[in-house]
């Protein structure tokens, strides 16, 4: 693979990890508390197809 393909693969892997919302254990714990995760709350607030996430890869200190 070339450098660009490697970088694209890395970005897709990072995106998949981010979309796991902390892993199944964290999601299950939140659901057991009767809570929705952040993406589920956004789905409730916005009409389907109207929300576009930006800065997915930003991390806070």
Foldseek 3Di string as FASTA:
>chain_A
DDPVVVVVVVVVVVLVVLVCVPHPVVCVVQVVVVHHDPVVVVPVVDDPPPDDDDPSVDDDD
